[in-house]
């Protein structure tokens, strides 16, 4: 298992680093959990979608199975932006026939006590909840 993430990364940054990572690591499975920082910066949803699409295609072309992990935007970004943003993940998973975790914070995303003071990043007690959420979709890919 290699964690190639960078804190604060956008999909553009992930896309720029992915080719070298795929070449160097030659993974069997790629877990893509990117997009939240695009959304928090109010970047265009279509740009995020294009970047994720390119990362999925590159990963699959390199022979890796892909698990796409979705996020949602806080309500203060507005219902239209939030709906478009959240819709990207299932649409791409369907298009590319990838495994999907629709929402990483499923089951606790609305609980203030599950987050750090910034109300964006889960606290330590929430880590097992995210593991359980991802594991349900990751485990079948390991077979």
Protein backbone atom coordinates (compact mmCIF):
# COMPACT_ATOMS: atom_id res chain seq x y z
CA UNK A 1 0.00 0.00 0.00
CA UNK A 2 1.40 3.35 -1.04
CA UNK A 3 -0.19 6.61 0.02
CA UNK A 4 0.64 9.07 -2.75
CA UNK A 5 -1.62 11.82 -1.45
CA UNK A 6 -0.60 15.37 -0.64
CA UNK A 7 -2.58 17.44 1.83
CA UNK A 8 -4.53 20.18 0.09
CA UNK A 9 -4.17 18.54 -3.34
CA UNK A 10 -6.63 19.33 -6.10
CA UNK A 11 -7.52 17.02 -8.97
CA UNK A 12 -5.21 19.06 -11.22
CA UNK A 13 -2.28 18.32 -8.92
CA UNK A 14 -3.22 14.66 -8.67
CA UNK A 15 -3.51 14.39 -12.42
CA UNK A 16 -0.08 15.96 -12.95
CA UNK A 17 1.57 13.49 -10.56
CA UNK A 18 -0.33 10.33 -11.50
CA UNK A 19 1.60 9.19 -14.61
CA UNK A 20 4.91 9.00 -12.73
CA UNK A 21 3.24 7.33 -9.75
CA UNK A 22 1.62 4.68 -11.97
CA UNK A 23 4.92 4.05 -13.72
CA UNK A 24 6.91 3.81 -10.49
CA UNK A 25 4.41 1.84 -8.37
CA UNK A 26 2.61 -0.29 -11.00
CA UNK A 27 -0.42 -0.66 -8.70
CA UNK A 28 -3.08 -3.34 -8.99
CA UNK A 29 -5.66 -1.01 -7.40
CA UNK A 30 -5.86 2.77 -7.37
CA UNK A 31 -8.06 4.49 -4.82
CA UNK A 32 -8.95 7.98 -6.06
CA UNK A 33 -10.19 10.25 -3.30
CA UNK A 34 -9.75 13.67 -4.80
CA UNK A 35 -12.03 16.58 -5.53
CA UNK A 36 -12.90 17.97 -2.10
CA UNK A 37 -10.25 20.68 -2.35
CA UNK A 38 -11.47 21.60 -5.83
CA UNK A 39 -14.95 22.04 -4.39
CA UNK A 40 -13.84 23.95 -1.30
CA UNK A 41 -12.02 26.38 -3.61
CA UNK A 42 -15.17 26.75 -5.73
CA UNK A 43 -13.39 25.48 -8.84
CA UNK A 44 -15.56 24.52 -11.83
CA UNK A 45 -17.11 21.09 -11.38
CA UNK A 46 -16.55 20.20 -15.03
CA UNK A 47 -12.78 20.72 -14.63
CA UNK A 48 -12.74 18.42 -11.60
CA UNK A 49 -14.75 15.86 -13.56
CA UNK A 50 -12.38 16.03 -16.52
CA UNK A 51 -9.36 15.57 -14.24
CA UNK A 52 -10.90 12.59 -12.44
CA UNK A 53 -11.94 11.11 -15.79
CA UNK A 54 -8.34 11.35 -17.04
CA UNK A 55 -7.01 9.78 -13.84
CA UNK A 56 -9.43 6.88 -14.07
CA UNK A 57 -8.57 6.27 -17.72
CA UNK A 58 -4.82 6.43 -17.01
CA UNK A 59 -5.12 4.06 -14.07
CA UNK A 60 -7.18 1.56 -16.05
CA UNK A 61 -4.82 1.81 -19.02
CA UNK A 62 -1.97 0.96 -16.63
CA UNK A 63 -3.87 -2.19 -15.64
CA UNK A 64 -5.17 -1.06 -12.27
CA UNK A 65 -8.66 -1.47 -10.89
CA UNK A 66 -10.06 1.83 -9.65
CA UNK A 67 -12.02 2.65 -6.53
CA UNK A 68 -13.49 6.14 -6.76
CA UNK A 69 -14.28 7.76 -3.42
CA UNK A 70 -16.85 10.53 -3.52
CA UNK A 71 -17.27 13.63 -1.42
CA UNK A 72 -19.98 16.21 -0.89
CA UNK A 73 -19.82 19.93 -0.36
CA UNK A 74 -21.00 21.72 2.76
CA UNK A 75 -24.43 23.35 2.27
CA UNK A 76 -23.01 26.88 2.20
CA UNK A 77 -21.76 26.23 -1.35
CA UNK A 78 -25.35 26.22 -2.53
CA UNK A 79 -27.64 23.42 -3.65
CA UNK A 80 -26.80 23.66 -7.36
CA UNK A 81 -23.04 23.45 -6.86
CA UNK A 82 -23.42 20.72 -4.25
CA UNK A 83 -25.67 18.61 -6.47
CA UNK A 84 -23.38 18.94 -9.50
CA UNK A 85 -20.33 18.19 -7.39
CA UNK A 86 -21.79 15.08 -5.73
CA UNK A 87 -23.11 13.81 -9.07
CA UNK A 88 -19.65 13.63 -10.64
CA UNK A 89 -18.58 10.55 -8.67
CA UNK A 90 -21.44 8.16 -9.50
CA UNK A 91 -21.47 9.35 -13.11
CA UNK A 92 -17.77 8.62 -13.58
CA UNK A 93 -18.00 5.28 -11.77
CA UNK A 94 -20.84 4.23 -14.05
CA UNK A 95 -19.09 5.49 -17.19
CA UNK A 96 -15.84 3.68 -16.39
CA UNK A 97 -17.34 0.69 -14.54
CA UNK A 98 -15.31 1.40 -11.42
CA UNK A 99 -16.05 0.63 -7.81
CA UNK A 100 -17.55 3.57 -5.94
CA UNK A 101 -17.79 4.86 -2.41
CA UNK A 102 -20.46 7.53 -2.94
CA UNK A 103 -19.55 9.58 0.16
CA UNK A 104 -16.49 9.05 2.35
CA UNK A 105 -18.22 10.54 5.39
CA UNK A 106 -21.35 8.38 5.05
CA UNK A 107 -23.08 7.92 8.38
CA UNK A 108 -21.26 10.71 10.21
CA UNK A 109 -20.88 13.64 7.79
CA UNK A 110 -23.62 15.56 9.57
CA UNK A 111 -22.22 15.05 13.09
CA UNK A 112 -20.23 18.05 14.32
CA UNK A 113 -18.53 15.95 17.01
CA UNK A 114 -16.98 13.73 14.31
CA UNK A 115 -14.83 16.58 12.96
CA UNK A 116 -11.89 18.69 13.98
CA UNK A 117 -12.41 22.35 14.90
CA UNK A 118 -12.38 23.35 11.20
CA UNK A 119 -15.55 21.25 10.72
CA UNK A 120 -14.07 19.89 7.47
CA UNK A 121 -11.57 17.24 8.51
CA UNK A 122 -12.68 14.14 10.44
CA UNK A 123 -11.17 13.62 13.87
CA UNK A 124 -9.28 10.52 15.02
CA UNK A 125 -12.45 8.84 16.30
CA UNK A 126 -13.93 9.01 12.77
CA UNK A 127 -11.05 7.16 11.09
CA UNK A 128 -12.52 3.67 11.72
CA UNK A 129 -15.83 4.84 10.25
CA UNK A 130 -14.11 5.90 7.03
CA UNK A 131 -12.18 2.63 6.94
CA UNK A 132 -15.43 0.67 7.21
CA UNK A 133 -17.01 2.77 4.45
CA UNK A 134 -14.10 2.27 2.05
CA UNK A 135 -13.47 -1.37 2.98
CA UNK A 136 -16.94 -2.43 1.80
CA UNK A 137 -15.97 -1.47 -1.75
CA UNK A 138 -12.25 -2.21 -1.58
CA UNK A 139 -12.45 -5.77 -0.28
CA UNK A 140 -14.13 -7.19 -3.43
CA UNK A 141 -11.36 -5.68 -5.58
CA UNK A 142 -8.75 -7.65 -3.64
CA UNK A 143 -10.14 -11.01 -4.70
